[in-house]
Amino acid sequence: MKNSFNYPAIIVSALASLGIGFVWFTVLFKTAYIQDLGKTREQMAQGPNAIVASSYQLLGNLVMALVLAWLLRKLGYETVGESLQLGILIWLGFVAAIIGPMYAFQAFSFRLFLIISVGYLLCILATSAILAVWKG
């Protein structure tokens, strides 16, 4: 196993996650997402603009891909199956387990929990798959 990270794979997986998130949150579930947040489009527009928000998301995706690549290397996982299994475990143990109670305490809908957590699951799985497939 190589000692250095495959930085092109990390960058591509971060960009893929950005694309998945864009389609998930602004095409497929935009109306439900905004509605379940309990905010108007005008209130949402008061936050950072799309470029700034996307930059934050891309940075987060890069960190996620780098950490996932490190874990895959440390565990000696090399197959797509192993990588996807790790992605599911990370999602279950760190995403769903953390944001589930947060949504319950903040009285957000289960639908909002599903929209957000499944969106992250897809991004983690895409990152896992890209890192496993692109070894060179």
N, C-alpha and C. Protein backbone atom coordinates (compact mmCIF):
# COMPACT_ATOMS: atom_id res chain seq x y z
N MET A 1 0.85 -1.19 0.00
CA MET A 1 0.00 0.00 0.00
C MET A 1 0.89 1.24 0.00
N LYS A 2 0.52 2.23 -0.75
CA LYS A 2 1.30 3.45 -0.90
C LYS A 2 1.25 4.28 0.38
N ASN A 3 2.31 5.06 0.57
CA ASN A 3 2.37 5.92 1.75
C ASN A 3 1.70 7.26 1.55
N SER A 4 1.56 7.71 0.31
CA SER A 4 0.95 9.01 0.08
C SER A 4 -0.50 8.86 -0.35
N PHE A 5 -1.23 9.92 -0.22
CA PHE A 5 -2.63 9.92 -0.62
C PHE A 5 -2.76 10.13 -2.12
N ASN A 6 -3.84 9.66 -2.66
CA ASN A 6 -4.16 9.90 -4.07
C ASN A 6 -4.96 11.20 -4.12
N TYR A 7 -4.24 12.31 -4.21
CA TYR A 7 -4.89 13.62 -4.16
C TYR A 7 -5.85 13.87 -5.31
N PRO A 8 -5.56 13.42 -6.53
CA PRO A 8 -6.58 13.60 -7.58
C PRO A 8 -7.89 12.89 -7.23
N ALA A 9 -7.82 11.70 -6.66
CA ALA A 9 -9.05 10.99 -6.26
C ALA A 9 -9.78 11.73 -5.15
N ILE A 10 -9.03 12.31 -4.22
CA ILE A 10 -9.63 13.08 -3.13
C ILE A 10 -10.34 14.31 -3.70
N ILE A 11 -9.70 15.00 -4.62
CA ILE A 11 -10.30 16.20 -5.22
C ILE A 11 -11.53 15.84 -6.04
N VAL A 12 -11.43 14.80 -6.86
CA VAL A 12 -12.57 14.38 -7.68
C VAL A 12 -13.74 13.93 -6.80
N SER A 13 -13.45 13.19 -5.74
CA SER A 13 -14.54 12.75 -4.87
C SER A 13 -15.19 13.93 -4.15
N ALA A 14 -14.40 14.93 -3.79
CA ALA A 14 -14.97 16.13 -3.15
C ALA A 14 -15.87 16.88 -4.13
N LEU A 15 -15.43 16.98 -5.38
CA LEU A 15 -16.25 17.64 -6.40
C LEU A 15 -17.51 16.82 -6.71
N ALA A 16 -17.38 15.50 -6.72
CA ALA A 16 -18.55 14.64 -6.95
C ALA A 16 -19.57 14.83 -5.83
N SER A 17 -19.10 14.90 -4.61
CA SER A 17 -20.00 15.14 -3.48
C SER A 17 -20.69 16.49 -3.57
N LEU A 18 -19.95 17.49 -4.04
CA LEU A 18 -20.54 18.81 -4.25
C LEU A 18 -21.66 18.72 -5.28
N GLY A 19 -21.42 17.99 -6.36
CA GLY A 19 -22.45 17.80 -7.38
C GLY A 19 -23.65 17.04 -6.87
N ILE A 20 -23.41 15.99 -6.11
CA ILE A 20 -24.50 15.22 -5.52
C ILE A 20 -25.32 16.10 -4.60
N GLY A 21 -24.65 16.85 -3.75
CA GLY A 21 -25.35 17.75 -2.83
C GLY A 21 -26.18 18.79 -3.57
N PHE A 22 -25.61 19.34 -4.65
CA PHE A 22 -26.34 20.33 -5.42
C PHE A 22 -27.63 19.74 -5.97
N VAL A 23 -27.53 18.58 -6.61
CA VAL A 23 -28.73 17.93 -7.18
C VAL A 23 -29.71 17.56 -6.07
N TRP A 24 -29.20 17.00 -4.99
CA TRP A 24 -30.05 16.52 -3.90
C TRP A 24 -30.82 17.67 -3.24
N PHE A 25 -30.10 18.73 -2.88
CA PHE A 25 -30.71 19.80 -2.09
C PHE A 25 -31.34 20.92 -2.92
N THR A 26 -30.91 21.12 -4.16
CA THR A 26 -31.47 22.24 -4.92
C THR A 26 -32.33 21.81 -6.10
N VAL A 27 -32.32 20.53 -6.42
CA VAL A 27 -33.16 20.04 -7.51
C VAL A 27 -34.22 19.10 -6.97
N LEU A 28 -33.79 18.00 -6.35
CA LEU A 28 -34.73 16.96 -5.93
C LEU A 28 -35.57 17.34 -4.71
N PHE A 29 -34.94 17.97 -3.71
CA PHE A 29 -35.64 18.21 -2.45
C PHE A 29 -35.64 19.66 -1.99
N LYS A 30 -35.46 20.59 -2.89
CA LYS A 30 -35.35 22.00 -2.52
C LYS A 30 -36.60 22.50 -1.78
N THR A 31 -37.75 22.27 -2.32
CA THR A 31 -38.98 22.77 -1.72
C THR A 31 -39.21 22.14 -0.35
N ALA A 32 -39.09 20.82 -0.27
CA ALA A 32 -39.31 20.12 1.01
C ALA A 32 -38.27 20.54 2.04
N TYR A 33 -37.03 20.70 1.61
CA TYR A 33 -35.95 21.10 2.51
C TYR A 33 -36.23 22.46 3.12
N ILE A 34 -36.53 23.44 2.29
CA ILE A 34 -36.81 24.80 2.78
C ILE A 34 -38.07 24.81 3.63
N GLN A 35 -39.10 24.11 3.18
CA GLN A 35 -40.35 24.06 3.93
C GLN A 35 -40.14 23.46 5.32
N ASP A 36 -39.42 22.34 5.40
CA ASP A 36 -39.22 21.68 6.68
C ASP A 36 -38.25 22.41 7.60
N LEU A 37 -37.40 23.27 7.03
CA LEU A 37 -36.57 24.13 7.88
C LEU A 37 -37.42 25.20 8.56
N GLY A 38 -38.58 25.46 7.97
CA GLY A 38 -39.45 26.50 8.52
C GLY A 38 -38.98 27.90 8.17
N LYS A 39 -38.29 28.01 7.04
CA LYS A 39 -37.77 29.31 6.61
C LYS A 39 -38.31 29.63 5.22
N THR A 40 -38.41 30.90 4.96
CA THR A 40 -38.80 31.34 3.62
C THR A 40 -37.55 31.40 2.75
N ARG A 41 -37.76 31.50 1.47
CA ARG A 41 -36.62 31.65 0.54
C ARG A 41 -35.87 32.94 0.85
N GLU A 42 -36.61 33.97 1.27
CA GLU A 42 -35.98 35.24 1.61
C GLU A 42 -35.06 35.08 2.83
N GLN A 43 -35.53 34.33 3.83
CA GLN A 43 -34.69 34.09 5.00
C GLN A 43 -33.44 33.29 4.63
N MET A 44 -33.61 32.33 3.75
CA MET A 44 -32.48 31.52 3.31
C MET A 44 -31.46 32.39 2.55
N ALA A 45 -31.96 33.38 1.82
CA ALA A 45 -31.09 34.26 1.04
C ALA A 45 -30.25 35.18 1.93
N GLN A 46 -30.60 35.30 3.21
CA GLN A 46 -29.83 36.15 4.12
C GLN A 46 -28.51 35.50 4.53
N GLY A 47 -28.37 34.21 4.29
CA GLY A 47 -27.12 33.52 4.62
C GLY A 47 -26.06 33.81 3.57
N PRO A 48 -24.97 33.08 3.64
CA PRO A 48 -23.91 33.29 2.65
C PRO A 48 -24.43 33.05 1.23
N ASN A 49 -23.83 33.75 0.26
CA ASN A 49 -24.25 33.54 -1.12
C ASN A 49 -23.83 32.14 -1.57
N ALA A 50 -24.31 31.73 -2.73
CA ALA A 50 -24.09 30.36 -3.22
C ALA A 50 -22.61 30.03 -3.39
N ILE A 51 -21.82 31.00 -3.80
CA ILE A 51 -20.39 30.74 -4.00
C ILE A 51 -19.70 30.50 -2.66
N VAL A 52 -20.00 31.31 -1.68
CA VAL A 52 -19.38 31.15 -0.36
C VAL A 52 -19.85 29.83 0.27
N ALA A 53 -21.14 29.56 0.23
CA ALA A 53 -21.67 28.32 0.80
C ALA A 53 -21.08 27.10 0.11
N SER A 54 -20.98 27.16 -1.22
CA SER A 54 -20.40 26.04 -1.97
C SER A 54 -18.92 25.86 -1.65
N SER A 55 -18.23 26.96 -1.39
CA SER A 55 -16.82 26.87 -1.01
C SER A 55 -16.67 26.18 0.34
N TYR A 56 -17.53 26.53 1.29
CA TYR A 56 -17.52 25.85 2.59
C TYR A 56 -17.80 24.36 2.42
N GLN A 57 -18.78 24.05 1.58
CA GLN A 57 -19.13 22.65 1.35
C GLN A 57 -17.98 21.90 0.70
N LEU A 58 -17.34 22.52 -0.29
CA LEU A 58 -16.21 21.87 -0.96
C LEU A 58 -15.07 21.63 0.02
N LEU A 59 -14.79 22.59 0.88
CA LEU A 59 -13.76 22.41 1.90
C LEU A 59 -14.11 21.25 2.82
N GLY A 60 -15.36 21.20 3.25
CA GLY A 60 -15.81 20.08 4.09
C GLY A 60 -15.69 18.75 3.37
N ASN A 61 -16.03 18.74 2.08
CA ASN A 61 -15.92 17.51 1.29
C ASN A 61 -14.47 17.06 1.16
N LEU A 62 -13.56 18.02 1.00
CA LEU A 62 -12.13 17.68 0.92
C LEU A 62 -11.64 17.07 2.23
N VAL A 63 -12.05 17.65 3.34
CA VAL A 63 -11.67 17.10 4.65
C VAL A 63 -12.24 15.69 4.79
N MET A 64 -13.52 15.52 4.45
CA MET A 64 -14.15 14.20 4.55
C MET A 64 -13.40 13.18 3.70
N ALA A 65 -13.06 13.53 2.47
CA ALA A 65 -12.37 12.60 1.57
C ALA A 65 -10.98 12.26 2.10
N LEU A 66 -10.28 13.25 2.62
CA LEU A 66 -8.95 13.02 3.16
C LEU A 66 -9.01 12.09 4.38
N VAL A 67 -9.95 12.34 5.28
CA VAL A 67 -10.09 11.50 6.46
C VAL A 67 -10.51 10.08 6.05
N LEU A 68 -11.42 9.97 5.12
CA LEU A 68 -11.85 8.66 4.65
C LEU A 68 -10.69 7.91 3.99
N ALA A 69 -9.90 8.61 3.19
CA ALA A 69 -8.72 7.98 2.56
C ALA A 69 -7.74 7.50 3.62
N TRP A 70 -7.56 8.30 4.66
CA TRP A 70 -6.66 7.91 5.75
C TRP A 70 -7.19 6.67 6.46
N LEU A 71 -8.49 6.65 6.75
CA LEU A 71 -9.07 5.48 7.42
C LEU A 71 -8.97 4.23 6.55
N LEU A 72 -9.25 4.37 5.27
CA LEU A 72 -9.15 3.22 4.37
C LEU A 72 -7.73 2.66 4.37
N ARG A 73 -6.77 3.55 4.33
CA ARG A 73 -5.37 3.12 4.34
C ARG A 73 -5.01 2.46 5.66
N LYS A 74 -5.39 3.08 6.77
CA LYS A 74 -5.07 2.54 8.09
C LYS A 74 -5.70 1.16 8.32
N LEU A 75 -6.91 0.98 7.80
CA LEU A 75 -7.60 -0.30 7.97
C LEU A 75 -7.19 -1.33 6.93
N GLY A 76 -6.48 -0.91 5.92
CA GLY A 76 -6.06 -1.81 4.86
C GLY A 76 -7.19 -2.19 3.92
N TYR A 77 -8.22 -1.36 3.87
CA TYR A 77 -9.35 -1.63 2.98
C TYR A 77 -8.99 -1.18 1.57
N GLU A 78 -9.19 -2.08 0.62
CA GLU A 78 -8.84 -1.76 -0.75
C GLU A 78 -9.96 -2.00 -1.74
N THR A 79 -10.94 -2.82 -1.39
CA THR A 79 -12.01 -3.11 -2.34
C THR A 79 -13.14 -2.09 -2.21
N VAL A 80 -13.94 -2.02 -3.25
CA VAL A 80 -15.10 -1.13 -3.22
C VAL A 80 -16.06 -1.56 -2.12
N GLY A 81 -16.26 -2.86 -1.96
CA GLY A 81 -17.15 -3.35 -0.92
C GLY A 81 -16.72 -2.94 0.47
N GLU A 82 -15.42 -3.09 0.75
CA GLU A 82 -14.89 -2.68 2.05
C GLU A 82 -15.05 -1.18 2.25
N SER A 83 -14.78 -0.43 1.21
CA SER A 83 -14.87 1.02 1.27
C SER A 83 -16.30 1.47 1.52
N LEU A 84 -17.25 0.86 0.81
CA LEU A 84 -18.66 1.22 1.01
C LEU A 84 -19.13 0.82 2.41
N GLN A 85 -18.66 -0.33 2.89
CA GLN A 85 -19.01 -0.76 4.24
C GLN A 85 -18.53 0.26 5.27
N LEU A 86 -17.29 0.72 5.10
CA LEU A 86 -16.76 1.74 6.01
C LEU A 86 -17.58 3.03 5.90
N GLY A 87 -17.94 3.41 4.68
CA GLY A 87 -18.76 4.61 4.49
C GLY A 87 -20.08 4.51 5.21
N ILE A 88 -20.73 3.37 5.13
CA ILE A 88 -22.01 3.17 5.83
C ILE A 88 -21.82 3.25 7.33
N LEU A 89 -20.76 2.63 7.83
CA LEU A 89 -20.51 2.68 9.28
C LEU A 89 -20.21 4.10 9.76
N ILE A 90 -19.44 4.84 8.97
CA ILE A 90 -19.16 6.23 9.33
C ILE A 90 -20.45 7.03 9.34
N TRP A 91 -21.28 6.85 8.31
CA TRP A 91 -22.55 7.57 8.25
C TRP A 91 -23.42 7.22 9.45
N LEU A 92 -23.55 5.94 9.73
CA LEU A 92 -24.41 5.50 10.83
C LEU A 92 -23.90 6.00 12.18
N GLY A 93 -22.59 5.86 12.40
CA GLY A 93 -22.02 6.19 13.70
C GLY A 93 -21.76 7.66 13.94
N PHE A 94 -21.56 8.43 12.86
CA PHE A 94 -21.19 9.82 13.06
C PHE A 94 -22.17 10.83 12.47
N VAL A 95 -22.87 10.46 11.44
CA VAL A 95 -23.82 11.39 10.84
C VAL A 95 -25.21 11.16 11.43
N ALA A 96 -25.76 9.98 11.19
CA ALA A 96 -27.13 9.69 11.65
C ALA A 96 -27.23 9.74 13.17
N ALA A 97 -26.21 9.20 13.85
CA ALA A 97 -26.25 9.16 15.32
C ALA A 97 -26.14 10.55 15.94
N ILE A 98 -25.54 11.49 15.24
CA ILE A 98 -25.40 12.84 15.78
C ILE A 98 -26.57 13.73 15.37
N ILE A 99 -26.91 13.71 14.08
CA ILE A 99 -27.96 14.65 13.66
C ILE A 99 -29.36 14.15 13.99
N GLY A 100 -29.54 12.85 14.20
CA GLY A 100 -30.87 12.35 14.57
C GLY A 100 -31.39 12.98 15.86
N PRO A 101 -30.65 12.86 16.95
CA PRO A 101 -31.09 13.50 18.20
C PRO A 101 -31.17 15.02 18.09
N MET A 102 -30.27 15.62 17.32
CA MET A 102 -30.31 17.06 17.14
C MET A 102 -31.64 17.48 16.54
N TYR A 103 -32.09 16.75 15.51
CA TYR A 103 -33.36 17.08 14.88
C TYR A 103 -34.52 16.83 15.83
N ALA A 104 -34.42 15.78 16.64
CA ALA A 104 -35.49 15.50 17.59
C ALA A 104 -35.59 16.62 18.63
N PHE A 105 -34.46 17.06 19.19
CA PHE A 105 -34.49 18.11 20.20
C PHE A 105 -34.92 19.45 19.62
N GLN A 106 -34.63 19.69 18.34
CA GLN A 106 -35.03 20.94 17.72
C GLN A 106 -36.41 20.86 17.08
N ALA A 107 -37.05 19.71 17.23
CA ALA A 107 -38.42 19.47 16.73
C ALA A 107 -38.54 19.65 15.22
N PHE A 108 -37.49 19.28 14.50
CA PHE A 108 -37.58 19.25 13.04
C PHE A 108 -38.26 17.95 12.62
N SER A 109 -38.74 17.92 11.41
CA SER A 109 -39.47 16.74 10.93
C SER A 109 -38.52 15.58 10.63
N PHE A 110 -39.08 14.39 10.68
CA PHE A 110 -38.33 13.21 10.28
C PHE A 110 -37.98 13.29 8.80
N ARG A 111 -38.84 13.90 8.02
CA ARG A 111 -38.55 14.07 6.60
C ARG A 111 -37.29 14.91 6.40
N LEU A 112 -37.13 15.97 7.18
CA LEU A 112 -35.93 16.80 7.07
C LEU A 112 -34.70 15.99 7.47
N PHE A 113 -34.82 15.21 8.53
CA PHE A 113 -33.72 14.34 8.94
C PHE A 113 -33.33 13.42 7.79
N LEU A 114 -34.31 12.82 7.13
CA LEU A 114 -34.03 11.92 6.02
C LEU A 114 -33.40 12.65 4.84
N ILE A 115 -33.93 13.81 4.51
CA ILE A 115 -33.37 14.57 3.39
C ILE A 115 -31.90 14.85 3.64
N ILE A 116 -31.57 15.35 4.81
CA ILE A 116 -30.19 15.73 5.09
C ILE A 116 -29.30 14.50 5.28
N SER A 117 -29.73 13.55 6.08
CA SER A 117 -28.85 12.42 6.38
C SER A 117 -28.64 11.51 5.17
N VAL A 118 -29.67 11.29 4.37
CA VAL A 118 -29.49 10.46 3.18
C VAL A 118 -28.64 11.19 2.13
N GLY A 119 -28.78 12.50 2.06
CA GLY A 119 -27.90 13.27 1.18
C GLY A 119 -26.44 13.08 1.55
N TYR A 120 -26.14 13.13 2.84
CA TYR A 120 -24.77 12.90 3.30
C TYR A 120 -24.34 11.46 3.07
N LEU A 121 -25.25 10.51 3.25
CA LEU A 121 -24.92 9.11 2.98
C LEU A 121 -24.48 8.94 1.53
N LEU A 122 -25.22 9.52 0.61
CA LEU A 122 -24.85 9.41 -0.80
C LEU A 122 -23.47 10.00 -1.08
N CYS A 123 -23.18 11.13 -0.46
CA CYS A 123 -21.87 11.76 -0.64
C CYS A 123 -20.75 10.89 -0.06
N ILE A 124 -20.97 10.33 1.11
CA ILE A 124 -19.96 9.47 1.72
C ILE A 124 -19.74 8.22 0.87
N LEU A 125 -20.83 7.63 0.37
CA LEU A 125 -20.69 6.43 -0.45
C LEU A 125 -19.99 6.73 -1.77
N ALA A 126 -20.31 7.87 -2.37
CA ALA A 126 -19.63 8.25 -3.62
C ALA A 126 -18.13 8.45 -3.37
N THR A 127 -17.81 9.13 -2.28
CA THR A 127 -16.41 9.34 -1.93
C THR A 127 -15.71 8.01 -1.68
N SER A 128 -16.36 7.13 -0.94
CA SER A 128 -15.79 5.80 -0.65
C SER A 128 -15.51 5.04 -1.94
N ALA A 129 -16.48 5.04 -2.83
CA ALA A 129 -16.33 4.30 -4.09
C ALA A 129 -15.22 4.87 -4.94
N ILE A 130 -15.17 6.18 -5.08
CA ILE A 130 -14.13 6.82 -5.90
C ILE A 130 -12.74 6.52 -5.34
N LEU A 131 -12.59 6.62 -4.03
CA LEU A 131 -11.30 6.36 -3.42
C LEU A 131 -10.89 4.91 -3.59
N ALA A 132 -11.84 3.98 -3.54
CA ALA A 132 -11.52 2.56 -3.70
C ALA A 132 -11.18 2.21 -5.14
N VAL A 133 -11.92 2.79 -6.08
CA VAL A 133 -11.72 2.46 -7.48
C VAL A 133 -10.45 3.12 -8.04
N TRP A 134 -10.22 4.35 -7.65
CA TRP A 134 -9.10 5.12 -8.20
C TRP A 134 -7.88 4.98 -7.29
N LYS A 135 -7.16 3.92 -7.47
CA LYS A 135 -6.04 3.63 -6.59
C LYS A 135 -4.72 4.23 -7.06
N GLY A 136 -4.62 4.57 -8.35
CA GLY A 136 -3.34 5.02 -8.90
C GLY A 136 -3.18 6.45 -8.80
